Amino acid sequence: MRRERGTLAASSSSSSSFVHPPPEDAWLDAYLKLLPQWQSLALSQQLAIPISISRVNQIDAQRLDIEISAMLKEQLVKVFSLMKPGFLFQFEPELDAFLEFLIWRFSIWVDKPTPGNSLMNLRYRDERAIEPRGKFRTGLEGPGLTVFQKLWYCVATVGGQYFWTRLQSFSAFRIWGDSEQRSLARGTWVFIQRIEGFYRAATFANLLIFLCTGRYRNLIERLLQARLVYGSPNMNRAVSFEYMNRQLVWNEFSEMLLLLLPLLNSSSIKNILYPFSKDKSSNSAADDTICPICQSNPTIPYLALPCQHRYCYYCLRTRCSASQSFRCSRCNEPVAAMQRHSAVIDDSNR
């Protein structure tokens, strides 16, 4: 009995120690220990989604900004239409800089897109403030330009363009390129030409990079890291080129007609269409008193041989000179020669 009681007590004590429950906050401690590992694993797998902004939209937005600036300039020039000719030409760089400053002041400075960017559903984003991973999912997030970027954008676009235009016009007016070989003006002109060549080469290289990556249309945007992104995810292209295509087709067609019509022989075309005319059978006596070409009473009447129909001298002479096989408009017979009307000769003799 004592042995059985001892074995039962030992078994009960061992079983009670084996099924002892863990503390209530044990799962919380395990979660806090594994949370950093889970977060690091999630961040390593979550990469930044590359967004692709349409290159056509960006180029169209730049072109639209240029066109809008030209329209504003045209309206502003009309204000000075009553001034003496050439008065506004000497202040054209200042006028362009003023218009560019107005567009910058009421668009980029107040965190709004330019007119062209607005039509193409684009806005500027500070690419430096975008973290490389884990912070944006659609590509539309991100802050706008900082005050520093806005000011430098104005200095580069408005001030830089104005300064370069004035420097080129001043050097051309002073004829720096035709100065002596070792003069200061000649050296400055060569330095300006080298800077311009370097800028054009850098612009061409930036264009090739833009066509490959779709980022930064010009050097200013690349230096400031001001990238164009979509402003709204559900907005299509706002500009329709259907009317523009029709206008281009009509302009090309009209220019082709203006080029070809003077080369065509109108009398030959008229002779070809004459058999299909409705008035070819009208040979009344009243029609014989007027010129069949100009449909008026001839002041200096001449007779076409051999059909003896009256024509104006100028009408008949030009038709015969234009075509050697000119046919009469009434009888459709070839005109061999012409003579002056006898009634006119009798009036002159009287």
Protein backbone atom coordinates (compact mmCIF):
# COMPACT_ATOMS: atom_id res chain seq x y z
CA MET A 1 0.00 0.00 0.00
CA ARG A 2 2.74 2.39 0.85
CA ARG A 3 4.52 1.53 -2.41
CA GLU A 4 1.37 2.18 -4.43
CA ARG A 5 0.79 5.50 -2.70
CA GLY A 6 4.39 6.50 -3.39
CA THR A 7 4.14 5.62 -7.06
CA LEU A 8 0.84 7.50 -7.41
CA ALA A 9 2.27 10.58 -5.74
CA ALA A 10 5.35 10.47 -7.96
CA SER A 11 3.31 10.05 -11.12
CA SER A 12 0.93 12.85 -10.17
CA SER A 13 3.79 15.17 -9.34
CA SER A 14 5.55 14.45 -12.67
CA SER A 15 2.37 14.88 -14.72
CA SER A 16 1.54 18.14 -12.98
CA SER A 17 4.98 19.53 -13.80
CA PHE A 18 4.71 18.46 -17.49
CA VAL A 19 1.35 20.12 -18.33
CA HIS A 20 2.08 23.40 -16.56
CA PRO A 21 0.65 26.24 -18.87
CA PRO A 22 2.98 29.03 -20.23
CA PRO A 23 2.55 32.64 -19.11
CA GLU A 24 -0.16 34.67 -20.78
CA ASP A 25 2.18 37.17 -22.49
CA ALA A 26 4.49 34.53 -23.94
CA TRP A 27 3.01 34.93 -27.47
CA LEU A 28 3.56 38.67 -27.28
CA ASP A 29 7.22 38.19 -26.45
CA ALA A 30 7.62 35.79 -29.35
CA TYR A 31 5.85 38.23 -31.72
CA LEU A 32 8.09 41.11 -30.68
CA LYS A 33 11.16 38.95 -31.22
CA LEU A 34 10.11 37.89 -34.74
CA LEU A 35 8.64 41.26 -35.88
CA PRO A 36 11.97 42.86 -36.96
CA GLN A 37 12.81 39.81 -39.02
CA TRP A 38 9.42 39.88 -40.74
CA GLN A 39 9.69 43.61 -41.50
CA SER A 40 13.21 43.27 -42.95
CA LEU A 41 12.04 40.36 -45.10
CA ALA A 42 9.02 42.32 -46.37
CA LEU A 43 11.12 45.39 -47.20
CA SER A 44 13.68 43.29 -49.04
CA GLN A 45 10.96 41.80 -51.25
CA GLN A 46 8.99 45.06 -51.79
CA LEU A 47 10.72 47.01 -54.55
CA ALA A 48 9.75 50.41 -55.90
CA ILE A 49 7.36 50.06 -58.80
CA PRO A 50 8.92 51.66 -61.90
CA ILE A 51 6.47 54.05 -63.54
CA SER A 52 6.50 54.88 -67.21
CA ILE A 53 5.40 58.39 -68.19
CA SER A 54 4.46 58.77 -71.84
CA ARG A 55 7.22 60.54 -73.72
CA VAL A 56 4.70 61.82 -76.25
CA ASN A 57 2.74 63.54 -73.48
CA GLN A 58 5.85 65.22 -72.16
CA ILE A 59 6.96 66.46 -75.58
CA ASP A 60 3.42 67.62 -76.40
CA ALA A 61 3.24 69.50 -73.09
CA GLN A 62 6.46 71.33 -73.90
CA ARG A 63 5.21 72.18 -77.37
CA LEU A 64 1.89 73.44 -76.01
CA ASP A 65 3.69 75.72 -73.56
CA ILE A 66 5.65 77.23 -76.46
CA GLU A 67 2.47 77.72 -78.50
CA ILE A 68 0.62 79.32 -75.58
CA SER A 69 3.53 81.68 -74.96
CA ALA A 70 3.50 82.63 -78.67
CA MET A 71 -0.26 83.33 -78.51
CA LEU A 72 0.20 85.58 -75.47
CA LYS A 73 3.04 87.37 -77.23
CA GLU A 74 0.88 87.94 -80.30
CA GLN A 75 -1.88 89.47 -78.19
CA LEU A 76 0.59 91.68 -76.35
CA VAL A 77 2.18 92.89 -79.60
CA LYS A 78 -1.23 94.08 -80.79
CA VAL A 79 -1.27 96.54 -77.88
CA PHE A 80 1.74 98.32 -79.44
CA SER A 81 0.39 98.16 -83.00
CA LEU A 82 -0.05 101.97 -83.10
CA MET A 83 3.58 102.61 -82.16
CA LYS A 84 6.18 103.33 -84.80
CA PRO A 85 7.46 100.31 -86.75
CA GLY A 86 10.44 98.58 -85.16
CA PHE A 87 9.83 100.02 -81.71
CA LEU A 88 8.96 96.70 -80.12
CA PHE A 89 11.68 94.74 -81.92
CA GLN A 90 14.47 96.13 -79.74
CA PHE A 91 12.62 95.05 -76.59
CA GLU A 92 11.66 91.57 -77.81
CA PRO A 93 13.95 89.68 -75.33
CA GLU A 94 12.43 91.60 -72.42
CA LEU A 95 8.94 90.82 -73.71
CA ASP A 96 9.69 87.10 -73.94
CA ALA A 97 11.22 87.07 -70.47
CA PHE A 98 8.18 88.88 -69.06
CA LEU A 99 5.76 86.34 -70.54
CA GLU A 100 7.84 83.40 -69.32
CA PHE A 101 7.95 84.94 -65.85
CA LEU A 102 4.17 85.32 -65.80
CA ILE A 103 3.68 81.67 -66.77
CA TRP A 104 6.15 80.59 -64.08
CA ARG A 105 4.61 82.86 -61.44
CA PHE A 106 1.06 81.60 -61.84
CA SER A 107 1.86 77.93 -62.42
CA ILE A 108 5.05 76.48 -60.93
CA TRP A 109 5.46 78.99 -58.11
CA VAL A 110 1.97 78.26 -56.73
CA ASP A 111 2.40 74.44 -57.07
CA LYS A 112 0.29 74.20 -60.22
CA PRO A 113 1.26 72.67 -63.56
CA THR A 114 1.99 74.81 -66.56
CA PRO A 115 -0.81 75.10 -69.16
CA GLY A 116 0.79 72.46 -71.37
CA ASN A 117 1.39 70.08 -68.45
CA SER A 118 -2.17 70.58 -67.26
CA LEU A 119 -3.57 69.64 -70.67
CA MET A 120 -1.37 66.52 -70.71
CA ASN A 121 -2.24 65.54 -67.10
CA LEU A 122 1.32 66.08 -65.85
CA ARG A 123 2.88 67.75 -62.84
CA TYR A 124 6.37 68.26 -61.42
CA ARG A 125 7.61 66.03 -58.61
CA ASP A 126 10.72 66.35 -56.46
CA GLU A 127 12.52 63.13 -57.29
CA ARG A 128 15.00 63.60 -54.44
CA ALA A 129 12.23 63.22 -51.84
CA ILE A 130 11.17 59.79 -53.16
CA GLU A 131 12.62 56.92 -51.12
CA PRO A 132 13.91 54.04 -53.19
CA ARG A 133 11.63 51.32 -51.79
CA GLY A 134 8.51 50.66 -49.82
CA LYS A 135 6.91 54.12 -49.84
CA PHE A 136 4.95 54.51 -53.07
CA ARG A 137 2.91 52.02 -55.03
CA THR A 138 1.29 53.86 -57.93
CA GLY A 139 3.95 56.34 -58.98
CA LEU A 140 1.62 59.31 -58.49
CA GLU A 141 2.70 60.02 -54.95
CA GLY A 142 5.43 62.39 -53.99
CA PRO A 143 5.78 66.05 -53.05
CA GLY A 144 6.01 68.89 -55.49
CA LEU A 145 9.00 71.11 -56.06
CA THR A 146 10.65 72.90 -53.17
CA VAL A 147 11.09 76.66 -53.00
CA PHE A 148 14.76 76.21 -53.89
CA GLN A 149 13.90 74.23 -57.02
CA LYS A 150 11.23 76.75 -58.07
CA LEU A 151 13.59 79.69 -57.75
CA TRP A 152 16.38 77.99 -59.65
CA TYR A 153 13.90 76.92 -62.32
CA CYS A 154 12.94 80.58 -62.81
CA VAL A 155 16.57 81.70 -62.85
CA ALA A 156 17.54 79.04 -65.42
CA THR A 157 14.57 79.34 -67.76
CA VAL A 158 13.66 83.02 -67.58
CA GLY A 159 16.93 84.68 -66.55
CA GLY A 160 19.26 82.33 -68.39
CA GLN A 161 17.37 82.55 -71.67
CA TYR A 162 17.17 86.36 -71.44
CA PHE A 163 20.86 86.73 -70.59
CA TRP A 164 21.97 84.45 -73.43
CA THR A 165 19.74 86.16 -75.99
CA ARG A 166 21.00 89.61 -75.01
CA LEU A 167 24.62 88.42 -75.04
CA GLN A 168 24.28 87.01 -78.55
CA SER A 169 22.57 90.12 -79.90
CA PHE A 170 25.17 92.38 -78.25
CA SER A 171 28.08 90.37 -79.65
CA ALA A 172 26.53 90.37 -83.12
CA PHE A 173 25.87 94.12 -82.97
CA ARG A 174 29.44 94.83 -81.83
CA ILE A 175 30.83 92.44 -84.48
CA TRP A 176 33.04 90.57 -82.01
CA GLY A 177 33.61 87.77 -84.52
CA ASP A 178 35.22 90.12 -87.05
CA SER A 179 37.64 91.68 -84.57
CA GLU A 180 41.40 91.18 -84.52
CA GLN A 181 42.75 87.69 -83.95
CA ARG A 182 44.12 88.26 -80.41
CA SER A 183 41.72 90.88 -79.12
CA LEU A 184 39.54 90.40 -76.07
CA ALA A 185 36.34 90.68 -78.10
CA ARG A 186 37.49 87.92 -80.45
CA GLY A 187 38.37 85.63 -77.55
CA THR A 188 35.03 86.29 -75.88
CA TRP A 189 33.19 85.49 -79.09
CA VAL A 190 35.10 82.19 -79.49
CA PHE A 191 34.33 81.34 -75.86
CA ILE A 192 30.59 82.01 -76.45
CA GLN A 193 30.60 79.77 -79.50
CA ARG A 194 32.28 76.96 -77.56
CA ILE A 195 29.76 77.24 -74.73
CA GLU A 196 26.92 77.12 -77.23
CA GLY A 197 28.39 74.04 -78.92
CA PHE A 198 28.85 72.29 -75.58
CA TYR A 199 25.28 73.12 -74.58
CA ARG A 200 23.90 71.74 -77.83
CA ALA A 201 25.91 68.53 -77.43
CA ALA A 202 24.68 68.13 -73.84
CA THR A 203 21.10 68.79 -74.97
CA PHE A 204 21.40 66.13 -77.67
CA ALA A 205 22.81 63.62 -75.16
CA ASN A 206 19.99 64.42 -72.74
CA LEU A 207 17.47 63.87 -75.53
CA LEU A 208 18.88 60.39 -76.21
CA ILE A 209 18.73 59.54 -72.51
CA PHE A 210 15.18 60.86 -72.32
CA LEU A 211 14.09 58.68 -75.24
CA CYS A 212 15.56 55.63 -73.47
CA THR A 213 14.39 56.28 -69.90
CA GLY A 214 11.47 58.73 -70.25
CA ARG A 215 12.84 61.07 -67.56
CA TYR A 216 13.83 64.75 -67.70
CA ARG A 217 13.03 66.41 -71.01
CA ASN A 218 15.79 69.03 -70.73
CA LEU A 219 18.96 69.73 -68.80
CA ILE A 220 17.27 72.04 -66.30
CA GLU A 221 14.87 69.34 -65.15
CA ARG A 222 17.74 66.86 -64.89
CA LEU A 223 19.92 69.19 -62.82
CA LEU A 224 17.05 70.10 -60.49
CA GLN A 225 15.71 66.50 -60.46
CA ALA A 226 12.23 67.82 -61.25
CA ARG A 227 10.44 64.91 -62.86
CA LEU A 228 7.14 65.00 -64.69
CA VAL A 229 4.59 62.46 -63.43
CA TYR A 230 0.87 62.01 -63.95
CA GLY A 231 -1.36 64.27 -61.91
CA SER A 232 -4.44 62.03 -61.95
CA PRO A 233 -4.61 58.25 -62.55
CA ASN A 234 -7.96 58.38 -64.38
CA MET A 235 -7.47 61.23 -66.83
CA ASN A 236 -6.89 60.62 -70.51
CA ARG A 237 -5.10 62.89 -72.92
CA ALA A 238 -7.00 66.17 -73.04
CA VAL A 239 -5.91 67.29 -76.51
CA SER A 240 -7.51 65.90 -79.64
CA PHE A 241 -5.46 66.14 -82.81
CA GLU A 242 -8.34 65.34 -85.15
CA TYR A 243 -8.99 68.97 -86.07
CA MET A 244 -5.27 69.61 -86.46
CA ASN A 245 -4.92 66.65 -88.83
CA ARG A 246 -7.82 67.89 -90.96
CA GLN A 247 -6.32 71.37 -91.07
CA LEU A 248 -2.92 70.02 -92.13
CA VAL A 249 -4.48 67.90 -94.88
CA TRP A 250 -6.51 70.83 -96.20
CA ASN A 251 -3.47 73.15 -96.14
CA GLU A 252 -1.38 70.66 -98.08
CA PHE A 253 -4.19 70.11 -100.59
CA SER A 254 -4.73 73.84 -101.13
CA GLU A 255 -1.00 74.45 -101.58
CA MET A 256 -0.88 71.66 -104.16
CA LEU A 257 -3.77 73.24 -106.07
CA LEU A 258 -2.17 76.67 -105.97
CA LEU A 259 0.98 75.13 -107.41
CA LEU A 260 -0.68 73.09 -110.18
CA LEU A 261 -3.52 75.35 -111.37
CA PRO A 262 -1.28 78.02 -112.98
CA LEU A 263 0.45 75.26 -114.94
CA LEU A 264 -2.78 73.96 -116.46
CA ASN A 265 -4.14 75.19 -119.79
CA SER A 266 -7.62 76.50 -119.07
CA SER A 267 -8.66 76.62 -122.72
CA SER A 268 -7.79 72.98 -123.25
CA ILE A 269 -9.77 71.97 -120.19
CA LYS A 270 -12.68 74.06 -121.35
CA ASN A 271 -12.61 72.41 -124.80
CA ILE A 272 -12.61 68.99 -123.18
CA LEU A 273 -15.62 69.87 -121.02
CA TYR A 274 -17.46 71.70 -123.81
CA PRO A 275 -19.24 68.61 -125.29
CA PHE A 276 -20.78 67.98 -121.88
CA SER A 277 -21.96 71.56 -121.44
CA LYS A 278 -25.67 72.35 -121.42
CA ASP A 279 -25.25 75.62 -123.34
CA LYS A 280 -23.54 74.17 -126.40
CA SER A 281 -26.75 74.34 -128.50
CA SER A 282 -27.52 77.97 -127.78
CA ASN A 283 -26.58 79.66 -131.07
CA SER A 284 -29.19 82.40 -131.22
CA ALA A 285 -28.69 85.77 -132.83
CA ALA A 286 -28.57 87.48 -129.49
CA ASP A 287 -25.54 85.37 -128.53
CA ASP A 288 -23.63 86.51 -131.63
CA THR A 289 -23.45 90.09 -130.37
CA ILE A 290 -21.39 89.25 -127.28
CA CYS A 291 -17.99 87.68 -126.82
CA PRO A 292 -18.42 83.96 -125.96
CA ILE A 293 -15.40 84.07 -123.66
CA CYS A 294 -16.02 87.09 -121.42
CA GLN A 295 -19.78 87.22 -122.08
CA SER A 296 -19.75 91.00 -122.70
CA ASN A 297 -20.12 93.34 -125.65
CA PRO A 298 -16.65 93.56 -127.29
CA THR A 299 -15.27 97.10 -127.54
CA ILE A 300 -12.72 96.08 -130.19
CA PRO A 301 -14.44 93.19 -131.95
CA TYR A 302 -12.45 90.73 -134.02
CA LEU A 303 -13.75 87.89 -136.17
CA ALA A 304 -12.46 84.37 -135.74
CA LEU A 305 -11.67 82.66 -139.05
CA PRO A 306 -13.23 80.67 -140.62
CA CYS A 307 -16.31 80.58 -138.37
CA GLN A 308 -16.80 84.41 -138.47
CA HIS A 309 -17.83 84.72 -134.81
CA ARG A 310 -17.17 87.96 -132.93
CA TYR A 311 -14.66 88.00 -130.08
CA CYS A 312 -12.88 90.60 -128.01
CA TYR A 313 -9.38 91.17 -129.29
CA TYR A 314 -7.80 90.43 -125.93
CA CYS A 315 -9.87 87.28 -125.32
CA LEU A 316 -9.23 85.85 -128.77
CA ARG A 317 -5.54 86.81 -128.79
CA THR A 318 -4.80 85.24 -125.41
CA ARG A 319 -6.65 82.03 -126.29
CA CYS A 320 -4.81 81.67 -129.56
CA SER A 321 -1.47 82.35 -127.88
CA ALA A 322 -2.19 79.85 -125.13
CA SER A 323 -3.22 77.06 -127.46
CA GLN A 324 -2.42 76.66 -131.15
CA SER A 325 -5.41 74.35 -131.51
CA PHE A 326 -7.92 76.78 -130.05
CA ARG A 327 -11.51 76.01 -131.08
CA CYS A 328 -14.43 78.37 -131.26
CA SER A 329 -16.64 78.30 -128.21
CA ARG A 330 -19.81 78.40 -130.32
CA CYS A 331 -19.15 76.02 -133.21
CA ASN A 332 -16.19 74.08 -131.78
CA GLU A 333 -14.22 74.61 -135.00
CA PRO A 334 -10.48 75.30 -135.00
CA VAL A 335 -9.60 78.98 -135.35
CA ALA A 336 -6.99 79.54 -138.05
CA ALA A 337 -6.72 83.35 -138.00
CA MET A 338 -8.61 86.48 -137.03
CA GLN A 339 -9.52 89.77 -138.68
CA ARG A 340 -10.97 93.02 -137.42
CA HIS A 341 -14.70 93.51 -137.70
CA SER A 342 -15.77 95.64 -140.67
CA ALA A 343 -18.33 97.62 -138.68
CA VAL A 344 -15.59 98.95 -136.43
CA ILE A 345 -13.51 99.88 -139.46
CA ASP A 346 -16.45 101.75 -141.03
CA ASP A 347 -17.06 103.64 -137.74
CA SER A 348 -13.46 104.72 -137.62
CA ASN A 349 -13.56 105.91 -141.25
CA ARG A 350 -16.61 108.01 -140.55
